[in-house]
Structures are given as C-alpha cells and as structure tokens.
PDB file of N, CA and C in Angstrom:
ATOM      1  N   MET A   1      68.713 -71.748 147.801  1.00  0.00           N
ATOM      2  CA  MET A   1      69.024 -70.402 148.032  1.00  0.00           C
ATOM      3  C   MET A   1      68.219 -69.719 146.768  1.00  0.00           C
ATOM      4  N   GLY A   2      67.500 -68.696 147.050  1.00  0.00           N
ATOM      5  CA  GLY A   2      66.517 -67.994 146.010  1.00  0.00           C
ATOM      6  C   GLY A   2      67.156 -66.702 145.420  1.00  0.00           C
ATOM      7  N   LYS A   3      66.840 -66.076 144.332  1.00  0.00           N
ATOM      8  CA  LYS A   3      67.480 -64.856 143.621  1.00  0.00           C
ATOM      9  C   LYS A   3      67.427 -63.907 144.537  1.00  0.00           C
ATOM     10  N   GLU A   4      68.515 -63.044 144.680  1.00  0.00           N
ATOM     11  CA  GLU A   4      68.478 -61.735 145.414  1.00  0.00           C
ATOM     12  C   GLU A   4      67.451 -60.545 144.729  1.00  0.00           C
ATOM     13  N   LYS A   5      66.571 -60.440 145.211  1.00  0.00           N
ATOM     14  CA  LYS A   5      65.788 -59.006 144.908  1.00  0.00           C
ATOM     15  C   LYS A   5      66.173 -57.778 145.243  1.00  0.00           C
ATOM     16  N   ILE A   6      66.273 -56.721 144.249  1.00  0.00           N
ATOM     17  CA  ILE A   6      66.889 -55.655 144.537  1.00  0.00           C
ATOM     18  C   ILE A   6      65.774 -54.370 144.008  1.00  0.00           C
ATOM     19  N   GLN A   7      65.986 -53.187 144.502  1.00  0.00           N
ATOM     20  CA  GLN A   7      65.391 -52.330 143.960  1.00  0.00           C
ATOM     21  C   GLN A   7      66.127 -51.046 143.556  1.00  0.00           C
ATOM     22  N   ALA A   8      66.002 -50.439 142.301  1.00  0.00           N
ATOM     23  CA  ALA A   8      66.971 -49.115 142.148  1.00  0.00           C
ATOM     24  C   ALA A   8      66.096 -48.183 141.578  1.00  0.00           C
ATOM     25  N   HIS A   9      66.430 -46.797 142.085  1.00  0.00           N
ATOM     26  CA  HIS A   9      65.735 -45.734 141.737  1.00  0.00           C
ATOM     27  C   HIS A   9      66.453 -44.909 140.852  1.00  0.00           C
ATOM     28  N   ALA A  10      66.263 -44.418 139.662  1.00  0.00           N
ATOM     29  CA  ALA A  10      67.354 -44.037 138.714  1.00  0.00           C
ATOM     30  C   ALA A  10      66.586 -42.538 138.102  1.00  0.00           C
ATOM     31  N   ILE A  11      67.505 -41.574 137.975  1.00  0.00           N
ATOM     32  CA  ILE A  11      66.978 -40.583 137.191  1.00  0.00           C
ATOM     33  C   ILE A  11      67.881 -40.699 136.031  1.00  0.00           C
ATOM     34  N   ILE A  12      67.365 -40.716 134.859  1.00  0.00           N
ATOM     35  CA  ILE A  12      68.134 -40.713 133.641  1.00  0.00           C
ATOM     36  C   ILE A  12      67.626 -39.314 132.740  1.00  0.00           C
ATOM     37  N   GLU A  13      69.200 -38.605 132.280  1.00  0.00           N
ATOM     38  CA  GLU A  13      69.213 -37.283 132.272  1.00  0.00           C
ATOM     39  C   GLU A  13      69.487 -37.386 130.833  1.00  0.00           C
ATOM     40  N   GLY A  14      69.265 -36.180 129.675  1.00  0.00           N
ATOM     41  CA  GLY A  14      69.502 -35.899 128.372  1.00  0.00           C
ATOM     42  C   GLY A  14      68.435 -35.811 127.782  1.00  0.00           C
ATOM     43  N   ARG A  15      68.563 -36.039 126.253  1.00  0.00           N
ATOM     44  CA  ARG A  15      67.328 -36.319 125.311  1.00  0.00           C
ATOM     45  C   ARG A  15      66.486 -37.457 125.631  1.00  0.00           C
ATOM     46  N   VAL A  16      65.881 -37.511 126.535  1.00  0.00           N
ATOM     47  CA  VAL A  16      64.792 -38.821 127.057  1.00  0.00           C
ATOM     48  C   VAL A  16      63.481 -38.338 126.968  1.00  0.00           C
ATOM     49  N   GLN A  17      63.007 -37.322 126.480  1.00  0.00           N
ATOM     50  CA  GLN A  17      61.370 -37.048 126.416  1.00  0.00           C
ATOM     51  C   GLN A  17      61.182 -36.790 124.972  1.00  0.00           C
ATOM     52  N   GLY A  18      59.900 -37.235 124.799  1.00  0.00           N
ATOM     53  CA  GLY A  18      59.412 -37.024 123.035  1.00  0.00           C
ATOM     54  C   GLY A  18      60.253 -38.013 122.348  1.00  0.00           C
ATOM     55  N   VAL A  19      60.854 -39.231 122.749  1.00  0.00           N
ATOM     56  CA  VAL A  19      61.560 -40.246 122.080  1.00  0.00           C
ATOM     57  C   VAL A  19      61.181 -41.498 122.260  1.00  0.00           C
ATOM     58  N   SER A  20      59.978 -41.449 123.022  1.00  0.00           N
ATOM     59  CA  SER A  20      59.460 -42.793 123.500  1.00  0.00           C
ATOM     60  C   SER A  20      60.058 -43.685 124.481  1.00  0.00           C
ATOM     61  N   PHE A  21      60.852 -42.787 125.282  1.00  0.00           N
ATOM     62  CA  PHE A  21      61.690 -43.429 126.427  1.00  0.00           C
ATOM     63  C   PHE A  21      60.994 -44.264 127.411  1.00  0.00           C
ATOM     64  N   ARG A  22      59.719 -43.630 127.889  1.00  0.00           N
ATOM     65  CA  ARG A  22      58.730 -44.547 128.962  1.00  0.00           C
ATOM     66  C   ARG A  22      58.216 -45.716 128.265  1.00  0.00           C
ATOM     67  N   TYR A  23      57.711 -45.822 126.980  1.00  0.00           N
ATOM     68  CA  TYR A  23      57.370 -46.977 126.223  1.00  0.00           C
ATOM     69  C   TYR A  23      58.268 -47.994 125.982  1.00  0.00           C
ATOM     70  N   TYR A  24      59.688 -47.622 125.632  1.00  0.00           N
ATOM     71  CA  TYR A  24      60.361 -48.721 125.600  1.00  0.00           C
ATOM     72  C   TYR A  24      61.026 -49.099 126.795  1.00  0.00           C
ATOM     73  N   THR A  25      60.981 -48.310 127.782  1.00  0.00           N
ATOM     74  CA  THR A  25      61.220 -48.798 128.919  1.00  0.00           C
ATOM     75  C   THR A  25      60.522 -49.746 129.708  1.00  0.00           C
ATOM     76  N   GLN A  26      59.238 -49.410 129.304  1.00  0.00           N
ATOM     77  CA  GLN A  26      58.141 -50.561 129.701  1.00  0.00           C
ATOM     78  C   GLN A  26      58.463 -51.938 129.023  1.00  0.00           C
ATOM     79  N   LEU A  27      58.631 -51.790 127.602  1.00  0.00           N
ATOM     80  CA  LEU A  27      58.855 -52.957 127.045  1.00  0.00           C
ATOM     81  C   LEU A  27      60.149 -53.876 127.707  1.00  0.00           C
ATOM     82  N   LYS A  28      61.296 -53.025 127.798  1.00  0.00           N
ATOM     83  CA  LYS A  28      62.399 -53.964 128.241  1.00  0.00           C
ATOM     84  C   LYS A  28      62.205 -54.523 129.707  1.00  0.00           C
ATOM     85  N   ALA A  29      61.502 -53.788 130.623  1.00  0.00           N
ATOM     86  CA  ALA A  29      61.239 -54.270 131.985  1.00  0.00           C
ATOM     87  C   ALA A  29      60.585 -55.356 131.938  1.00  0.00           C
ATOM     88  N   ASN A  30      59.369 -55.036 131.128  1.00  0.00           N
ATOM     89  CA  ASN A  30      58.630 -56.469 130.862  1.00  0.00           C
ATOM     90  C   ASN A  30      59.382 -57.584 130.469  1.00  0.00           C
ATOM     91  N   GLU A  31      60.002 -57.449 129.511  1.00  0.00           N
ATOM     92  CA  GLU A  31      60.984 -58.564 129.029  1.00  0.00           C
ATOM     93  C   GLU A  31      62.068 -59.273 129.954  1.00  0.00           C
ATOM     94  N   LEU A  32      62.455 -58.186 130.666  1.00  0.00           N
ATOM     95  CA  LEU A  32      63.442 -58.851 132.050  1.00  0.00           C
ATOM     96  C   LEU A  32      62.588 -59.116 133.473  1.00  0.00           C
ATOM     97  N   GLY A  33      60.967 -59.084 133.294  1.00  0.00           N
ATOM     98  CA  GLY A  33      60.354 -59.659 134.306  1.00  0.00           C
ATOM     99  C   GLY A  33      60.737 -58.539 135.453  1.00  0.00           C
ATOM    100  N   ILE A  34      60.806 -57.276 135.367  1.00  0.00           N
ATOM    101  CA  ILE A  34      61.016 -56.210 136.207  1.00  0.00           C
ATOM    102  C   ILE A  34      59.677 -55.756 136.580  1.00  0.00           C
ATOM    103  N   THR A  35      59.426 -55.419 137.843  1.00  0.00           N
ATOM    104  CA  THR A  35      58.236 -54.419 138.170  1.00  0.00           C
ATOM    105  C   THR A  35      58.563 -52.796 138.642  1.00  0.00           C
ATOM    106  N   GLY A  36      57.889 -52.334 138.559  1.00  0.00           N
ATOM    107  CA  GLY A  36      58.094 -50.732 139.042  1.00  0.00           C
ATOM    108  C   GLY A  36      57.332 -49.775 138.312  1.00  0.00           C
ATOM    109  N   TRP A  37      57.774 -48.786 137.878  1.00  0.00           N
ATOM    110  CA  TRP A  37      57.377 -47.500 136.994  1.00  0.00           C
ATOM    111  C   TRP A  37      58.376 -46.581 136.440  1.00  0.00           C
ATOM    112  N   VAL A  38      57.941 -45.848 135.696  1.00  0.00           N
ATOM    113  CA  VAL A  38      58.859 -44.910 134.782  1.00  0.00           C
ATOM    114  C   VAL A  38      57.668 -43.710 134.268  1.00  0.00           C
ATOM    115  N   LYS A  39      58.262 -42.498 134.606  1.00  0.00           N
ATOM    116  CA  LYS A  39      57.853 -41.476 134.189  1.00  0.00           C
ATOM    117  C   LYS A  39      58.626 -39.868 133.967  1.00  0.00           C
ATOM    118  N   ASN A  40      58.220 -39.172 133.178  1.00  0.00           N
ATOM    119  CA  ASN A  40      58.678 -37.887 132.673  1.00  0.00           C
ATOM    120  C   ASN A  40      59.012 -36.953 133.944  1.00  0.00           C
ATOM    121  N   LEU A  41      59.944 -36.361 134.363  1.00  0.00           N
ATOM    122  CA  LEU A  41      60.099 -35.217 135.042  1.00  0.00           C
ATOM    123  C   LEU A  41      59.665 -33.655 134.332  1.00  0.00           C
ATOM    124  N   PRO A  42      59.233 -32.497 135.323  1.00  0.00           N
ATOM    125  CA  PRO A  42      59.379 -31.478 134.663  1.00  0.00           C
ATOM    126  C   PRO A  42      60.544 -31.035 134.018  1.00  0.00           C
ATOM    127  N   GLY A  43      60.367 -30.308 133.118  1.00  0.00           N
ATOM    128  CA  GLY A  43      61.817 -29.716 132.565  1.00  0.00           C
ATOM    129  C   GLY A  43      62.280 -30.277 131.127  1.00  0.00           C
ATOM    130  N   GLY A  44      61.624 -31.193 130.925  1.00  0.00           N
ATOM    131  CA  GLY A  44      61.795 -31.965 129.640  1.00  0.00           C
ATOM    132  C   GLY A  44      63.175 -32.657 129.377  1.00  0.00           C
ATOM    133  N   ARG A  45      64.188 -32.746 130.591  1.00  0.00           N
ATOM    134  CA  ARG A  45      65.342 -33.467 130.309  1.00  0.00           C
ATOM    135  C   ARG A  45      65.604 -34.723 131.180  1.00  0.00           C
ATOM    136  N   GLN A  46      64.824 -35.137 132.036  1.00  0.00           N
ATOM    137  CA  GLN A  46      65.076 -36.013 132.857  1.00  0.00           C
ATOM    138  C   GLN A  46      63.602 -37.413 133.030  1.00  0.00           C
ATOM    139  N   VAL A  47      64.012 -38.457 132.914  1.00  0.00           N
ATOM    140  CA  VAL A  47      62.980 -39.371 133.310  1.00  0.00           C
ATOM    141  C   VAL A  47      63.157 -40.025 134.671  1.00  0.00           C
ATOM    142  N   GLU A  48      62.184 -40.220 135.488  1.00  0.00           N
ATOM    143  CA  GLU A  48      62.784 -40.678 136.973  1.00  0.00           C
ATOM    144  C   GLU A  48      62.009 -42.636 136.628  1.00  0.00           C
ATOM    145  N   ALA A  49      62.904 -43.560 137.285  1.00  0.00           N
ATOM    146  CA  ALA A  49      62.305 -44.669 137.085  1.00  0.00           C
ATOM    147  C   ALA A  49      62.600 -45.617 138.305  1.00  0.00           C
ATOM    148  N   VAL A  50      61.756 -46.752 138.710  1.00  0.00           N
ATOM    149  CA  VAL A  50      62.057 -47.494 139.652  1.00  0.00           C
ATOM    150  C   VAL A  50      61.842 -48.857 139.195  1.00  0.00           C
ATOM    151  N   PHE A  51      62.986 -49.740 139.475  1.00  0.00           N
ATOM    152  CA  PHE A  51      63.082 -51.101 138.884  1.00  0.00           C
ATOM    153  C   PHE A  51      63.346 -52.021 140.191  1.00  0.00           C
ATOM    154  N   CYS A  52      62.176 -52.997 140.192  1.00  0.00           N
ATOM    155  CA  CYS A  52      62.540 -53.787 141.191  1.00  0.00           C
ATOM    156  C   CYS A  52      62.106 -55.420 140.599  1.00  0.00           C
ATOM    157  N   GLY A  53      63.366 -56.134 141.016  1.00  0.00           N
ATOM    158  CA  GLY A  53      63.435 -57.707 140.487  1.00  0.00           C
ATOM    159  C   GLY A  53      64.780 -58.350 141.098  1.00  0.00           C
ATOM    160  N   GLU A  54      64.999 -59.403 140.154  1.00  0.00           N
ATOM    161  CA  GLU A  54      66.086 -59.997 140.497  1.00  0.00           C
ATOM    162  C   GLU A  54      67.430 -59.055 140.389  1.00  0.00           C
ATOM    163  N   LYS A  55      68.482 -59.272 140.872  1.00  0.00           N
ATOM    164  CA  LYS A  55      69.646 -58.352 140.996  1.00  0.00           C
ATOM    165  C   LYS A  55      70.160 -58.353 139.285  1.00  0.00           C
ATOM    166  N   SER A  56      70.401 -59.424 138.916  1.00  0.00           N
ATOM    167  CA  SER A  56      70.654 -59.379 137.532  1.00  0.00           C
ATOM    168  C   SER A  56      70.014 -58.922 136.436  1.00  0.00           C
ATOM    169  N   ALA A  57      68.825 -59.036 136.423  1.00  0.00           N
ATOM    170  CA  ALA A  57      67.685 -58.220 135.575  1.00  0.00           C
ATOM    171  C   ALA A  57      67.921 -56.906 135.887  1.00  0.00           C
ATOM    172  N   VAL A  58      67.859 -56.389 137.014  1.00  0.00           N
ATOM    173  CA  VAL A  58      67.878 -54.779 137.308  1.00  0.00           C
ATOM    174  C   VAL A  58      69.186 -54.404 136.834  1.00  0.00           C
ATOM    175  N   GLU A  59      70.167 -54.896 136.979  1.00  0.00           N
ATOM    176  CA  GLU A  59      71.388 -54.596 136.345  1.00  0.00           C
ATOM    177  C   GLU A  59      71.494 -54.211 134.813  1.00  0.00           C
ATOM    178  N   LYS A  60      70.922 -55.401 134.135  1.00  0.00           N
ATOM    179  CA  LYS A  60      70.641 -55.234 132.908  1.00  0.00           C
ATOM    180  C   LYS A  60      69.651 -54.152 132.343  1.00  0.00           C
ATOM    181  N   MET A  61      68.984 -53.892 133.125  1.00  0.00           N
ATOM    182  CA  MET A  61      67.834 -52.547 132.853  1.00  0.00           C
ATOM    183  C   MET A  61      68.707 -51.355 132.989  1.00  0.00           C
ATOM    184  N   LEU A  62      69.365 -51.065 134.110  1.00  0.00           N
ATOM    185  CA  LEU A  62      70.273 -50.002 134.459  1.00  0.00           C
ATOM    186  C   LEU A  62      71.296 -49.907 133.209  1.00  0.00           C
ATOM    187  N   ALA A  63      71.906 -50.713 133.092  1.00  0.00           N
ATOM    188  CA  ALA A  63      72.912 -50.848 131.740  1.00  0.00           C
ATOM    189  C   ALA A  63      71.945 -50.304 130.085  1.00  0.00           C
ATOM    190  N   TRP A  64      70.677 -50.781 129.956  1.00  0.00           N
ATOM    191  CA  TRP A  64      69.952 -50.546 129.047  1.00  0.00           C
ATOM    192  C   TRP A  64      69.639 -48.782 128.994  1.00  0.00           C
ATOM    193  N   CYS A  65      69.354 -48.373 130.356  1.00  0.00           N
ATOM    194  CA  CYS A  65      69.149 -47.176 130.447  1.00  0.00           C
ATOM    195  C   CYS A  65      70.187 -46.003 130.269  1.00  0.00           C
ATOM    196  N   ALA A  66      71.270 -46.857 130.333  1.00  0.00           N
ATOM    197  CA  ALA A  66      72.797 -46.072 129.977  1.00  0.00           C
ATOM    198  C   ALA A  66      72.653 -45.550 128.374  1.00  0.00           C
ATOM    199  N   HIS A  67      71.831 -46.113 127.511  1.00  0.00           N
ATOM    200  CA  HIS A  67      71.795 -45.707 126.007  1.00  0.00           C
ATOM    201  C   HIS A  67      70.127 -45.376 125.753  1.00  0.00           C
ATOM    202  N   GLY A  68      69.599 -46.102 126.223  1.00  0.00           N
ATOM    203  CA  GLY A  68      67.837 -46.133 126.052  1.00  0.00           C
ATOM    204  C   GLY A  68      67.602 -46.428 124.401  1.00  0.00           C
ATOM    205  N   PRO A  69      66.386 -45.929 124.090  1.00  0.00           N
ATOM    206  CA  PRO A  69      65.495 -46.372 122.714  1.00  0.00           C
ATOM    207  C   PRO A  69      66.423 -45.624 121.727  1.00  0.00           C
ATOM    208  N   PRO A  70      66.212 -45.715 120.462  1.00  0.00           N
ATOM    209  CA  PRO A  70      66.764 -45.390 119.088  1.00  0.00           C
ATOM    210  C   PRO A  70      67.304 -44.077 119.227  1.00  0.00           C
ATOM    211  N   HIS A  71      66.430 -42.981 119.519  1.00  0.00           N
ATOM    212  CA  HIS A  71      66.545 -41.614 119.279  1.00  0.00           C
ATOM    213  C   HIS A  71      66.710 -40.739 120.636  1.00  0.00           C
ATOM    214  N   ALA A  72      67.127 -41.693 121.738  1.00  0.00           N
ATOM    215  CA  ALA A  72      67.520 -41.075 122.686  1.00  0.00           C
ATOM    216  C   ALA A  72      68.766 -40.399 122.833  1.00  0.00           C
ATOM    217  N   ARG A  73      69.171 -39.488 123.583  1.00  0.00           N
ATOM    218  CA  ARG A  73      70.527 -39.729 124.080  1.00  0.00           C
ATOM    219  C   ARG A  73      70.930 -39.072 125.428  1.00  0.00           C
ATOM    220  N   VAL A  74      71.197 -40.445 126.156  1.00  0.00           N
ATOM    221  CA  VAL A  74      71.342 -40.526 127.704  1.00  0.00           C
ATOM    222  C   VAL A  74      72.496 -39.493 128.021  1.00  0.00           C
ATOM    223  N   ASP A  75      72.737 -38.557 128.592  1.00  0.00           N
ATOM    224  CA  ASP A  75      73.909 -37.817 129.213  1.00  0.00           C
ATOM    225  C   ASP A  75      74.090 -38.685 131.024  1.00  0.00           C
ATOM    226  N   SER A  76      73.468 -38.861 131.529  1.00  0.00           N
ATOM    227  CA  SER A  76      73.565 -39.654 132.854  1.00  0.00           C
ATOM    228  C   SER A  76      72.835 -40.370 133.248  1.00  0.00           C
ATOM    229  N   VAL A  77      72.997 -41.115 134.234  1.00  0.00           N
ATOM    230  CA  VAL A  77      72.031 -42.265 134.797  1.00  0.00           C
ATOM    231  C   VAL A  77      72.586 -42.199 136.384  1.00  0.00           C
ATOM    232  N   THR A  78      71.768 -41.559 137.117  1.00  0.00           N
ATOM    233  CA  THR A  78      71.967 -41.579 138.531  1.00  0.00           C
ATOM    234  C   THR A  78      71.039 -42.734 139.199  1.00  0.00           C
ATOM    235  N   VAL A  79      71.759 -43.477 140.118  1.00  0.00           N
ATOM    236  CA  VAL A  79      71.134 -44.529 140.942  1.00  0.00           C
ATOM    237  C   VAL A  79      71.342 -44.495 142.390  1.00  0.00           C
ATOM    238  N   ASP A  80      70.205 -44.798 142.851  1.00  0.00           N
ATOM    239  CA  ASP A  80      70.226 -45.344 144.406  1.00  0.00           C
ATOM    240  C   ASP A  80      69.349 -46.308 144.640  1.00  0.00           C
ATOM    241  N   TYR A  81      69.812 -47.245 145.302  1.00  0.00           N
ATOM    242  CA  TYR A  81      69.170 -48.407 146.099  1.00  0.00           C
ATOM    243  C   TYR A  81      68.218 -48.209 146.855  1.00  0.00           C
ATOM    244  N   GLN A  82      67.290 -49.028 146.982  1.00  0.00           N
ATOM    245  CA  GLN A  82      66.106 -48.871 148.139  1.00  0.00           C
ATOM    246  C   GLN A  82      65.920 -50.540 148.334  1.00  0.00           C
ATOM    247  N   SER A  83      64.987 -50.331 149.668  1.00  0.00           N
ATOM    248  CA  SER A  83      64.522 -51.765 149.923  1.00  0.00           C
ATOM    249  C   SER A  83      63.242 -51.888 148.988  1.00  0.00           C
ATOM    250  N   PRO A  84      63.372 -53.344 148.533  1.00  0.00           N
ATOM    251  CA  PRO A  84      62.181 -53.718 147.663  1.00  0.00           C
ATOM    252  C   PRO A  84      60.791 -53.645 147.899  1.00  0.00           C
ATOM    253  N   SER A  85      60.213 -52.821 146.915  1.00  0.00           N
ATOM    254  CA  SER A  85      58.798 -52.858 147.362  1.00  0.00           C
ATOM    255  C   SER A  85      58.006 -53.733 146.214  1.00  0.00           C
ATOM    256  N   GLU A  86      56.705 -53.719 146.587  1.00  0.00           N
ATOM    257  CA  GLU A  86      55.823 -54.745 145.921  1.00  0.00           C
ATOM    258  C   GLU A  86      55.180 -53.716 144.927  1.00  0.00           C
ATOM    259  N   PHE A  87      55.141 -54.150 143.456  1.00  0.00           N
ATOM    260  CA  PHE A  87      54.498 -53.411 142.444  1.00  0.00           C
ATOM    261  C   PHE A  87      53.792 -54.638 141.549  1.00  0.00           C
ATOM    262  N   ARG A  88      52.774 -53.965 141.048  1.00  0.00           N
ATOM    263  CA  ARG A  88      51.921 -54.928 140.140  1.00  0.00           C
ATOM    264  C   ARG A  88      52.497 -54.576 138.778  1.00  0.00           C
ATOM    265  N   GLY A  89      53.062 -55.325 138.099  1.00  0.00           N
ATOM    266  CA  GLY A  89      53.795 -55.005 136.887  1.00  0.00           C
ATOM    267  C   GLY A  89      54.637 -53.935 136.692  1.00  0.00           C
ATOM    268  N   PHE A  90      54.990 -53.272 135.715  1.00  0.00           N
ATOM    269  CA  PHE A  90      55.341 -51.983 135.220  1.00  0.00           C
ATOM    270  C   PHE A  90      54.839 -51.054 134.569  1.00  0.00           C
ATOM    271  N   ASN A  91      54.459 -49.950 135.177  1.00  0.00           N
ATOM    272  CA  ASN A  91      53.798 -49.048 134.713  1.00  0.00           C
ATOM    273  C   ASN A  91      54.432 -47.639 134.296  1.00  0.00           C
ATOM    274  N   ILE A  92      53.525 -46.852 133.148  1.00  0.00           N
ATOM    275  CA  ILE A  92      54.161 -45.725 132.983  1.00  0.00           C
ATOM    276  C   ILE A  92      53.330 -44.624 133.720  1.00  0.00           C
ATOM    277  N   ARG A  93      53.768 -44.032 134.604  1.00  0.00           N
ATOM    278  CA  ARG A  93      53.037 -43.089 135.387  1.00  0.00           C
ATOM    279  C   ARG A  93      53.112 -41.485 134.719  1.00  0.00           C
ATOM    280  N   TYR A  94      52.130 -40.978 134.875  1.00  0.00           N
ATOM    281  CA  TYR A  94      51.787 -39.566 134.253  1.00  0.00           C
ATOM    282  C   TYR A  94      51.868 -38.378 135.389  1.00  0.00           C
TER     283      TYR A  94
END
C-alpha cells in the first residue's frame, strides 16, 4: 500500500510579510519533499500556500506554519483540503 497523498490550501495570517516567510516555507517544503507554492496576499498580513505531498509531510508543514520562521508572528492558519494536483517542485509566486 502506497503513502496517502494529500493537498492542503492554507492562509497564514499575522506578521508574515517582510520576515522571509516565503523563503523559509520553500526551504521547509523542499526538506519535507512537498510540492506546491507560496505567495504574499495584498494587505501585508497574509500568506497563501498550497502544500501537496504525503499526509505526514503535509501535516508537519502545517505545524511549522503555525509558528513560521524566526521573525514571524503567526496569529492563525486556516486550512482546507483539496484533491491533490501535480506541481513541479515548490515555488514562490509573485
């Protein structure tokens, strides 16, 4: 039996822009073998991301997002699950 693949769409809110959140998210996703993307949303207080990969890896990624990189302050992470998509690696979108 193969590993279950899931996809999570997350909105991370708080002090998450101007603190290298996207860069560190990309590093963590690559470390966990997750594909997808991350981008800043207008307004300066939210980052949007899609994580696709093995269930345990995506769960670790979401747990990491709850605190983020050193200078971030995460107030909330809203997640909804989607059908897995095919992505080439993990990218920062602009």
